[in-house]
Amino acid sequence: MAVNIRIGNVRLTSDSDCWMVCEVKDRKVPDKRGNMEIRRKRSYYASLTQALTAMQDRNLRTGDADSIEKLLDELRDFRATLLGRFTLEAKA
């Protein structure tokens, strides 16, 4: 089963060999294959822990926080969203 989760402007996907984290940007018009995203800055990881850490870091680096308080709020929001996604998947 492949994983395909998007939180903010970061997407986590998997296949049978590795985990991939990439930044995404929405398109206004789909491309030839019908994709509505532009994927950039892909990185590959052997473990889920490494991929989630990279996803969290990338999300924080590309966020809008301009103070430590806002950065911590973004971190809490990211973790809550991620936990909610995995909780929903586990219940389904």
C-alpha atoms as a PDB file:
ATOM      1  CA  MET A   1       0.000   0.000   0.000  1.00  0.00           C
ATOM      2  CA  ALA A   2       1.434   3.358  -1.019  1.00  0.00           C
ATOM      3  CA  VAL A   3       1.242   6.412   1.232  1.00  0.00           C
ATOM      4  CA  ASN A   4       0.307   9.783  -0.261  1.00  0.00           C
ATOM      5  CA  ILE A   5      -0.144  12.564   2.312  1.00  0.00           C
ATOM      6  CA  ARG A   6      -0.015  16.323   1.784  1.00  0.00           C
ATOM      7  CA  ILE A   7       0.312  18.774   4.650  1.00  0.00           C
ATOM      8  CA  GLY A   8       0.602  22.393   3.633  1.00  0.00           C
ATOM      9  CA  ASN A   9       3.098  22.612   0.803  1.00  0.00           C
ATOM     10  CA  VAL A  10       4.881  19.343   1.575  1.00  0.00           C
ATOM     11  CA  ARG A  11       3.913  15.861   0.317  1.00  0.00           C
ATOM     12  CA  LEU A  12       4.964  12.464   1.696  1.00  0.00           C
ATOM     13  CA  THR A  13       4.709   9.477  -0.643  1.00  0.00           C
ATOM     14  CA  SER A  14       6.017   5.930  -0.588  1.00  0.00           C
ATOM     15  CA  ASP A  15       6.550   2.895  -2.736  1.00  0.00           C
ATOM     16  CA  SER A  16       7.946  -0.537  -1.958  1.00  0.00           C
ATOM     17  CA  ASP A  17      11.528   0.770  -1.832  1.00  0.00           C
ATOM     18  CA  CYS A  18      11.609   4.161  -0.126  1.00  0.00           C
ATOM     19  CA  TRP A  19       9.860   7.266   1.196  1.00  0.00           C
ATOM     20  CA  MET A  20       9.843  10.538  -0.747  1.00  0.00           C
ATOM     21  CA  VAL A  21       9.315  14.060   0.590  1.00  0.00           C
ATOM     22  CA  CYS A  22       8.827  16.943  -1.819  1.00  0.00           C
ATOM     23  CA  GLU A  23       7.637  20.514  -1.881  1.00  0.00           C
ATOM     24  CA  VAL A  24       4.502  21.064  -3.925  1.00  0.00           C
ATOM     25  CA  LYS A  25       2.878  24.071  -5.498  1.00  0.00           C
ATOM     26  CA  ASP A  26      -0.677  24.132  -6.826  1.00  0.00           C
ATOM     27  CA  ARG A  27      -1.286  24.724 -10.523  1.00  0.00           C
ATOM     28  CA  LYS A  28      -4.131  26.886 -11.772  1.00  0.00           C
ATOM     29  CA  VAL A  29      -4.506  24.703 -14.856  1.00  0.00           C
ATOM     30  CA  PRO A  30      -3.771  20.944 -14.965  1.00  0.00           C
ATOM     31  CA  ASP A  31      -0.836  19.699 -17.008  1.00  0.00           C
ATOM     32  CA  LYS A  32      -1.125  17.119 -19.825  1.00  0.00           C
ATOM     33  CA  ARG A  33      -1.548  14.269 -17.329  1.00  0.00           C
ATOM     34  CA  GLY A  34      -4.173  16.120 -15.283  1.00  0.00           C
ATOM     35  CA  ASN A  35      -1.823  16.917 -12.394  1.00  0.00           C
ATOM     36  CA  MET A  36      -2.747  19.970 -10.367  1.00  0.00           C
ATOM     37  CA  GLU A  37       0.600  20.139  -8.531  1.00  0.00           C
ATOM     38  CA  ILE A  38       4.149  21.058  -9.375  1.00  0.00           C
ATOM     39  CA  ARG A  39       6.546  18.908  -7.353  1.00  0.00           C
ATOM     40  CA  ARG A  40       9.942  20.330  -6.493  1.00  0.00           C
ATOM     41  CA  LYS A  41      12.929  19.536  -4.287  1.00  0.00           C
ATOM     42  CA  ARG A  42      12.411  15.800  -3.941  1.00  0.00           C
ATOM     43  CA  SER A  43      14.366  13.836  -1.374  1.00  0.00           C
ATOM     44  CA  TYR A  44      14.339  10.106  -0.655  1.00  0.00           C
ATOM     45  CA  TYR A  45      14.564   8.256   2.669  1.00  0.00           C
ATOM     46  CA  ALA A  46      14.941   4.643   3.767  1.00  0.00           C
ATOM     47  CA  SER A  47      12.816   4.957   6.918  1.00  0.00           C
ATOM     48  CA  LEU A  48       9.515   6.594   7.801  1.00  0.00           C
ATOM     49  CA  THR A  49      11.118   8.339  10.777  1.00  0.00           C
ATOM     50  CA  GLN A  50      13.681  10.030   8.527  1.00  0.00           C
ATOM     51  CA  ALA A  51      10.985  11.021   6.032  1.00  0.00           C
ATOM     52  CA  LEU A  52       8.678  12.487   8.698  1.00  0.00           C
ATOM     53  CA  THR A  53      11.548  14.451  10.225  1.00  0.00           C
ATOM     54  CA  ALA A  54      12.452  15.844   6.802  1.00  0.00           C
ATOM     55  CA  MET A  55       8.808  16.618   6.063  1.00  0.00           C
ATOM     56  CA  GLN A  56       8.445  18.480   9.353  1.00  0.00           C
ATOM     57  CA  ASP A  57      11.693  20.403   8.821  1.00  0.00           C
ATOM     58  CA  ARG A  58      10.782  21.366   5.260  1.00  0.00           C
ATOM     59  CA  ASN A  59       7.317  22.484   6.351  1.00  0.00           C
ATOM     60  CA  LEU A  60       8.803  24.701   9.082  1.00  0.00           C
ATOM     61  CA  ARG A  61      11.493  26.166   6.792  1.00  0.00           C
ATOM     62  CA  THR A  62       8.937  27.155   4.177  1.00  0.00           C
ATOM     63  CA  GLY A  63       6.385  28.458   6.695  1.00  0.00           C
ATOM     64  CA  ASP A  64       5.509  32.041   7.567  1.00  0.00           C
ATOM     65  CA  ALA A  65       6.728  32.120  11.183  1.00  0.00           C
ATOM     66  CA  ASP A  66       8.568  35.290  12.158  1.00  0.00           C
ATOM     67  CA  SER A  67       8.981  34.525  15.864  1.00  0.00           C
ATOM     68  CA  ILE A  68       9.777  31.502  18.006  1.00  0.00           C
ATOM     69  CA  GLU A  69       6.184  31.447  19.286  1.00  0.00           C
ATOM     70  CA  LYS A  70       4.773  31.282  15.758  1.00  0.00           C
ATOM     71  CA  LEU A  71       7.316  28.623  14.825  1.00  0.00           C
ATOM     72  CA  LEU A  72       6.220  26.513  17.794  1.00  0.00           C
ATOM     73  CA  ASP A  73       2.577  27.036  16.802  1.00  0.00           C
ATOM     74  CA  GLU A  74       3.357  25.844  13.262  1.00  0.00           C
ATOM     75  CA  LEU A  75       5.167  22.823  14.699  1.00  0.00           C
ATOM     76  CA  ARG A  76       2.189  21.940  16.909  1.00  0.00           C
ATOM     77  CA  ASP A  77      -0.232  22.390  14.007  1.00  0.00           C
ATOM     78  CA  PHE A  78       1.897  20.208  11.732  1.00  0.00           C
ATOM     79  CA  ARG A  79       2.146  17.425  14.309  1.00  0.00           C
ATOM     80  CA  ALA A  80      -1.580  17.563  15.082  1.00  0.00           C
ATOM     81  CA  THR A  81      -2.442  17.405  11.385  1.00  0.00           C
ATOM     82  CA  LEU A  82      -0.057  14.507  10.819  1.00  0.00           C
ATOM     83  CA  LEU A  83      -1.400  12.624  13.826  1.00  0.00           C
ATOM     84  CA  GLY A  84      -4.959  13.191  12.602  1.00  0.00           C
ATOM     85  CA  ARG A  85      -4.086  11.807   9.162  1.00  0.00           C
ATOM     86  CA  PHE A  86      -2.562   8.641  10.577  1.00  0.00           C
ATOM     87  CA  THR A  87      -5.386   8.211  13.084  1.00  0.00           C
ATOM     88  CA  LEU A  88      -7.966   8.464  10.286  1.00  0.00           C
ATOM     89  CA  GLU A  89      -6.044   5.975   8.165  1.00  0.00           C
ATOM     90  CA  ALA A  90      -5.841   3.511  11.048  1.00  0.00           C
ATOM     91  CA  LYS A  91      -9.603   3.704  11.682  1.00  0.00           C
ATOM     92  CA  ALA A  92     -10.568   3.296   8.017  1.00  0.00           C
END
